[in-house]
C-alpha atoms as a PDB file:
ATOM      1  CA  MET A   1     120.216  65.636 116.573  1.00  0.00           C
ATOM      2  CA  LYS A   2     117.992  65.994 113.522  1.00  0.00           C
ATOM      3  CA  ARG A   3     115.216  64.099 115.299  1.00  0.00           C
ATOM      4  CA  LYS A   4     115.394  66.437 118.326  1.00  0.00           C
ATOM      5  CA  LEU A   5     115.281  69.526 116.063  1.00  0.00           C
ATOM      6  CA  ILE A   6     112.223  68.235 114.229  1.00  0.00           C
ATOM      7  CA  SER A   7     110.530  67.305 117.514  1.00  0.00           C
ATOM      8  CA  SER A   8     111.272  70.746 118.944  1.00  0.00           C
ATOM      9  CA  LEU A   9     109.845  72.440 115.854  1.00  0.00           C
ATOM     10  CA  ILE A  10     106.712  70.324 116.097  1.00  0.00           C
ATOM     11  CA  LEU A  11     106.289  71.228 119.775  1.00  0.00           C
ATOM     12  CA  VAL A  12     106.736  74.950 119.082  1.00  0.00           C
ATOM     13  CA  GLY A  13     104.247  74.689 116.216  1.00  0.00           C
ATOM     14  CA  VAL A  14     101.651  72.966 118.393  1.00  0.00           C
ATOM     15  CA  ILE A  15     101.963  75.609 121.087  1.00  0.00           C
ATOM     16  CA  PHE A  16     101.752  78.453 118.578  1.00  0.00           C
ATOM     17  CA  LEU A  17      98.720  76.932 116.899  1.00  0.00           C
ATOM     18  CA  GLY A  18      97.048  76.386 120.241  1.00  0.00           C
ATOM     19  CA  LEU A  19      97.314  80.086 120.898  1.00  0.00           C
ATOM     20  CA  LEU A  20      95.947  80.984 117.472  1.00  0.00           C
ATOM     21  CA  GLY A  21      93.283  78.341 117.215  1.00  0.00           C
ATOM     22  CA  TYR A  22      91.893  77.894 120.717  1.00  0.00           C
ATOM     23  CA  LYS A  23      88.547  79.253 119.586  1.00  0.00           C
ATOM     24  CA  HIS A  24      88.312  76.525 116.929  1.00  0.00           C
ATOM     25  CA  LEU A  25      89.227  73.719 119.319  1.00  0.00           C
ATOM     26  CA  GLY A  26      86.509  74.353 121.894  1.00  0.00           C
ATOM     27  CA  THR A  27      85.771  76.702 124.735  1.00  0.00           C
ATOM     28  CA  VAL A  28      85.794  76.340 128.468  1.00  0.00           C
ATOM     29  CA  GLU A  29      82.441  75.884 130.157  1.00  0.00           C
ATOM     30  CA  SER A  30      81.950  75.945 133.904  1.00  0.00           C
ATOM     31  CA  ASN A  31      81.348  72.571 135.527  1.00  0.00           C
ATOM     32  CA  SER A  32      81.159  70.758 132.214  1.00  0.00           C
ATOM     33  CA  GLY A  33      84.550  69.071 132.153  1.00  0.00           C
ATOM     34  CA  VAL A  34      86.863  69.205 129.199  1.00  0.00           C
ATOM     35  CA  GLN A  35      85.009  69.097 125.930  1.00  0.00           C
ATOM     36  CA  GLY A  36      85.044  65.588 124.479  1.00  0.00           C
ATOM     37  CA  LEU A  37      87.132  64.099 127.278  1.00  0.00           C
ATOM     38  CA  SER A  38      84.555  63.461 129.998  1.00  0.00           C
ATOM     39  CA  LYS A  39      83.636  60.162 128.354  1.00  0.00           C
ATOM     40  CA  SER A  40      83.867  57.020 130.436  1.00  0.00           C
ATOM     41  CA  TYR A  41      84.198  53.462 129.143  1.00  0.00           C
ATOM     42  CA  GLU A  42      82.947  50.269 130.765  1.00  0.00           C
ATOM     43  CA  THR A  43      84.987  47.821 128.690  1.00  0.00           C
ATOM     44  CA  LEU A  44      88.477  47.746 127.255  1.00  0.00           C
ATOM     45  CA  GLU A  45      86.986  46.989 123.846  1.00  0.00           C
ATOM     46  CA  ASP A  46      84.978  50.260 123.938  1.00  0.00           C
ATOM     47  CA  LEU A  47      88.010  52.222 125.128  1.00  0.00           C
ATOM     48  CA  LYS A  48      90.148  50.778 122.308  1.00  0.00           C
ATOM     49  CA  ALA A  49      87.394  51.265 119.715  1.00  0.00           C
ATOM     50  CA  GLU A  50      87.223  55.009 120.422  1.00  0.00           C
ATOM     51  CA  ALA A  51      91.003  55.552 120.249  1.00  0.00           C
ATOM     52  CA  ASP A  52      92.947  56.486 117.126  1.00  0.00           C
ATOM     53  CA  LEU A  53      96.209  55.437 118.759  1.00  0.00           C
ATOM     54  CA  VAL A  54      96.906  53.048 121.648  1.00  0.00           C
ATOM     55  CA  VAL A  55     100.552  53.175 122.674  1.00  0.00           C
ATOM     56  CA  LEU A  56     102.962  52.405 125.455  1.00  0.00           C
ATOM     57  CA  VAL A  57     105.123  55.509 125.951  1.00  0.00           C
ATOM     58  CA  ASN A  58     107.832  56.918 128.177  1.00  0.00           C
ATOM     59  CA  VAL A  59     106.864  60.289 129.622  1.00  0.00           C
ATOM     60  CA  PRO A  60     109.874  62.522 130.277  1.00  0.00           C
ATOM     61  CA  LEU A  61     110.585  64.417 133.462  1.00  0.00           C
ATOM     62  CA  TYR A  62     110.159  67.800 131.763  1.00  0.00           C
ATOM     63  CA  TYR A  63     107.188  69.107 129.837  1.00  0.00           C
ATOM     64  CA  ASP A  64     105.855  72.495 128.761  1.00  0.00           C
ATOM     65  CA  ILE A  65     102.894  74.114 130.480  1.00  0.00           C
ATOM     66  CA  ARG A  66     100.949  76.796 128.635  1.00  0.00           C
ATOM     67  CA  GLU A  67      97.841  78.828 129.384  1.00  0.00           C
ATOM     68  CA  PHE A  68      95.274  79.392 126.659  1.00  0.00           C
ATOM     69  CA  ARG A  69      92.685  82.127 127.083  1.00  0.00           C
ATOM     70  CA  GLY A  70      89.310  81.729 125.437  1.00  0.00           C
ATOM     71  CA  GLU A  71      86.015  83.568 125.487  1.00  0.00           C
ATOM     72  CA  SER A  72      84.724  81.741 128.560  1.00  0.00           C
ATOM     73  CA  GLY A  73      87.930  81.245 130.523  1.00  0.00           C
ATOM     74  CA  THR A  74      91.458  79.867 130.556  1.00  0.00           C
ATOM     75  CA  THR A  75      92.853  76.363 130.317  1.00  0.00           C
ATOM     76  CA  LYS A  76      96.240  75.217 131.552  1.00  0.00           C
ATOM     77  CA  GLN A  77      97.700  72.600 129.228  1.00  0.00           C
ATOM     78  CA  ALA A  78     100.752  70.352 129.392  1.00  0.00           C
ATOM     79  CA  PHE A  79     102.656  69.351 126.261  1.00  0.00           C
ATOM     80  CA  TYR A  80     104.750  66.173 126.428  1.00  0.00           C
ATOM     81  CA  GLU A  81     107.174  64.996 123.797  1.00  0.00           C
ATOM     82  CA  VAL A  82     107.124  61.238 124.334  1.00  0.00           C
ATOM     83  CA  ALA A  83     108.992  58.253 122.936  1.00  0.00           C
ATOM     84  CA  VAL A  84     106.821  55.369 121.743  1.00  0.00           C
ATOM     85  CA  ASP A  85     107.818  51.986 123.204  1.00  0.00           C
ATOM     86  CA  GLU A  86     105.063  49.880 121.632  1.00  0.00           C
ATOM     87  CA  VAL A  87     102.097  50.460 119.319  1.00  0.00           C
ATOM     88  CA  PHE A  88      98.952  48.398 119.979  1.00  0.00           C
ATOM     89  CA  ILE A  89      96.530  50.244 117.667  1.00  0.00           C
ATOM     90  CA  ASP A  90      97.305  52.848 115.006  1.00  0.00           C
ATOM     91  CA  ARG A  91      94.370  54.269 113.061  1.00  0.00           C
ATOM     92  CA  THR A  92      96.146  57.587 112.453  1.00  0.00           C
ATOM     93  CA  GLY A  93      97.620  56.852 109.040  1.00  0.00           C
ATOM     94  CA  GLN A  94     101.032  57.864 110.418  1.00  0.00           C
ATOM     95  CA  ASP A  95     102.512  54.322 110.700  1.00  0.00           C
ATOM     96  CA  PHE A  96     103.959  54.826 114.175  1.00  0.00           C
ATOM     97  CA  ASP A  97     106.496  52.318 115.481  1.00  0.00           C
ATOM     98  CA  GLU A  98     108.899  51.902 118.381  1.00  0.00           C
ATOM     99  CA  GLU A  99     111.204  54.593 116.933  1.00  0.00           C
ATOM    100  CA  SER A 100     108.492  57.280 116.859  1.00  0.00           C
ATOM    101  CA  GLU A 101     108.072  60.370 118.994  1.00  0.00           C
ATOM    102  CA  ILE A 102     104.770  62.191 119.384  1.00  0.00           C
ATOM    103  CA  VAL A 103     103.522  65.302 121.133  1.00  0.00           C
ATOM    104  CA  ILE A 104     100.688  64.793 123.597  1.00  0.00           C
ATOM    105  CA  LYS A 105      98.512  67.670 124.781  1.00  0.00           C
ATOM    106  CA  GLN A 106      96.785  67.306 128.139  1.00  0.00           C
ATOM    107  CA  VAL A 107      94.416  69.780 129.824  1.00  0.00           C
ATOM    108  CA  ILE A 108      95.521  69.954 133.465  1.00  0.00           C
ATOM    109  CA  GLY A 109      93.297  72.763 134.753  1.00  0.00           C
ATOM    110  CA  MET A 110      90.546  75.212 133.860  1.00  0.00           C
ATOM    111  CA  LYS A 111      89.153  78.435 135.246  1.00  0.00           C
ATOM    112  CA  ASP A 112      86.311  80.766 134.391  1.00  0.00           C
ATOM    113  CA  ARG A 113      87.028  84.431 133.773  1.00  0.00           C
ATOM    114  CA  LYS A 114      85.753  85.293 137.260  1.00  0.00           C
ATOM    115  CA  GLU A 115      87.916  82.628 138.995  1.00  0.00           C
ATOM    116  CA  THR A 116      91.440  83.288 140.235  1.00  0.00           C
ATOM    117  CA  GLU A 117      92.551  79.656 140.704  1.00  0.00           C
ATOM    118  CA  TYR A 118      92.539  76.710 138.328  1.00  0.00           C
ATOM    119  CA  SER A 119      90.252  73.777 138.966  1.00  0.00           C
ATOM    120  CA  SER A 120      92.017  70.478 138.330  1.00  0.00           C
ATOM    121  CA  GLU A 121      88.643  68.725 138.629  1.00  0.00           C
ATOM    122  CA  GLN A 122      87.974  69.740 135.018  1.00  0.00           C
ATOM    123  CA  GLY A 123      91.286  68.417 133.740  1.00  0.00           C
ATOM    124  CA  MET A 124      93.806  65.671 134.310  1.00  0.00           C
ATOM    125  CA  LYS A 125      96.650  65.619 136.774  1.00  0.00           C
ATOM    126  CA  PRO A 126      99.986  66.094 135.003  1.00  0.00           C
ATOM    127  CA  MET A 127     101.709  62.818 134.201  1.00  0.00           C
ATOM    128  CA  LYS A 128     104.848  62.097 136.193  1.00  0.00           C
ATOM    129  CA  THR A 129     107.856  60.617 134.510  1.00  0.00           C
ATOM    130  CA  GLY A 130     107.448  56.939 133.715  1.00  0.00           C
ATOM    131  CA  GLN A 131     105.832  54.468 131.384  1.00  0.00           C
ATOM    132  CA  TYR A 132     102.156  54.879 130.456  1.00  0.00           C
ATOM    133  CA  LEU A 133      99.567  53.085 128.364  1.00  0.00           C
ATOM    134  CA  LEU A 134      97.688  55.831 126.516  1.00  0.00           C
ATOM    135  CA  PHE A 135      94.462  55.799 124.532  1.00  0.00           C
ATOM    136  CA  LEU A 136      94.772  58.820 122.265  1.00  0.00           C
ATOM    137  CA  ASN A 137      92.796  60.631 119.630  1.00  0.00           C
ATOM    138  CA  LYS A 138      94.375  62.429 116.732  1.00  0.00           C
ATOM    139  CA  VAL A 139      93.382  66.094 116.586  1.00  0.00           C
ATOM    140  CA  ARG A 140      94.067  68.136 113.462  1.00  0.00           C
ATOM    141  CA  HIS A 141      94.082  71.892 113.890  1.00  0.00           C
ATOM    142  CA  PRO A 142      91.368  73.241 111.548  1.00  0.00           C
ATOM    143  CA  ALA A 143      93.319  76.314 110.409  1.00  0.00           C
ATOM    144  CA  ASP A 144      96.592  74.755 109.257  1.00  0.00           C
ATOM    145  CA  GLY A 145      96.287  70.990 109.661  1.00  0.00           C
ATOM    146  CA  ILE A 146      98.989  70.352 112.301  1.00  0.00           C
ATOM    147  CA  VAL A 147      98.325  67.145 114.268  1.00  0.00           C
ATOM    148  CA  TYR A 148      98.720  66.450 117.978  1.00  0.00           C
ATOM    149  CA  TYR A 149      97.314  63.784 120.315  1.00  0.00           C
ATOM    150  CA  VAL A 150      94.939  63.990 123.282  1.00  0.00           C
ATOM    151  CA  SER A 151      93.602  61.386 125.699  1.00  0.00           C
ATOM    152  CA  ASN A 152      90.206  60.050 124.680  1.00  0.00           C
ATOM    153  CA  SER A 153      88.957  60.096 128.303  1.00  0.00           C
ATOM    154  CA  LEU A 154      89.717  61.868 131.560  1.00  0.00           C
ATOM    155  CA  GLN A 155      88.691  58.675 133.361  1.00  0.00           C
ATOM    156  CA  HIS A 156      91.317  56.434 131.761  1.00  0.00           C
ATOM    157  CA  LEU A 157      95.025  57.090 132.320  1.00  0.00           C
ATOM    158  CA  TYR A 158      97.129  53.967 132.842  1.00  0.00           C
ATOM    159  CA  ARG A 159     100.560  53.901 134.448  1.00  0.00           C
ATOM    160  CA  CYS A 160     102.800  50.860 134.142  1.00  0.00           C
ATOM    161  CA  LYS A 161     102.519  48.882 137.389  1.00  0.00           C
ATOM    162  CA  ASP A 162     104.838  46.074 136.284  1.00  0.00           C
ATOM    163  CA  ASP A 163     105.779  44.435 132.983  1.00  0.00           C
ATOM    164  CA  LYS A 164     102.375  42.798 132.648  1.00  0.00           C
ATOM    165  CA  THR A 165      99.885  45.236 134.243  1.00  0.00           C
ATOM    166  CA  PHE A 166      98.750  48.856 133.821  1.00  0.00           C
ATOM    167  CA  LYS A 167      96.878  50.616 136.649  1.00  0.00           C
ATOM    168  CA  ASN A 168      94.293  53.353 136.065  1.00  0.00           C
ATOM    169  CA  ILE A 169      95.519  56.388 138.040  1.00  0.00           C
ATOM    170  CA  ALA A 170      92.669  58.676 136.962  1.00  0.00           C
ATOM    171  CA  SER A 171      89.647  56.774 138.327  1.00  0.00           C
ATOM    172  CA  ASP A 172      88.362  53.395 139.512  1.00  0.00           C
ATOM    173  CA  GLU A 173      86.862  52.608 136.109  1.00  0.00           C
ATOM    174  CA  LEU A 174      88.598  49.705 134.358  1.00  0.00           C
ATOM    175  CA  GLY A 175      91.052  49.701 137.250  1.00  0.00           C
ATOM    176  CA  GLU A 176      93.702  47.517 135.645  1.00  0.00           C
ATOM    177  CA  ILE A 177      94.545  46.295 132.169  1.00  0.00           C
ATOM    178  CA  SER A 178      96.870  43.372 131.553  1.00  0.00           C
ATOM    179  CA  TYR A 179      99.358  43.289 128.715  1.00  0.00           C
ATOM    180  CA  SER A 180      97.753  40.096 127.387  1.00  0.00           C
ATOM    181  CA  GLU A 181      94.379  41.886 127.023  1.00  0.00           C
ATOM    182  CA  LEU A 182      96.030  44.427 124.715  1.00  0.00           C
ATOM    183  CA  THR A 183      97.719  41.863 122.495  1.00  0.00           C
ATOM    184  CA  VAL A 184      94.735  39.525 122.019  1.00  0.00           C
ATOM    185  CA  GLY A 185      93.967  39.151 118.320  1.00  0.00           C
ATOM    186  CA  GLU A 186      97.277  40.507 117.044  1.00  0.00           C
END
């Protein structure tokens, strides 16, 4: 019960801070993709090297969707409160383990001020319920220091295919990752 209350407070705080600090976190630009997330990686080593947190998580059925208006346009963002199943890399200083829960923010659409519809080409498709391998970066809100996590690339979103394989559902780049590739050197 206490864990759910704390998680709910964190989620509300992230949403509130997103509204207040959107200007500090980046603006929407037409046809430029999501700032910092359009990066593509050719090797798993590069993908892992650029991530603050590499985790296997369970994405719930329900998530919050919020719109954030900026100077150039509006983004539609999904907020997921996820349970961590396994931690492969943790450079966050938070000492995450299998008992942890984190809030993930994902841009799922953007539109310019003159547009009436969102373009999902400049964001990710919302994650469906299930198990995912995520390569995340820790983002600290500049105004008050609250932390949340974002994918380090729009091109790399891995859904659990079976117990030993993760399939990239965002692009053809690094199409599959095996569990053994993640645990090498542990």
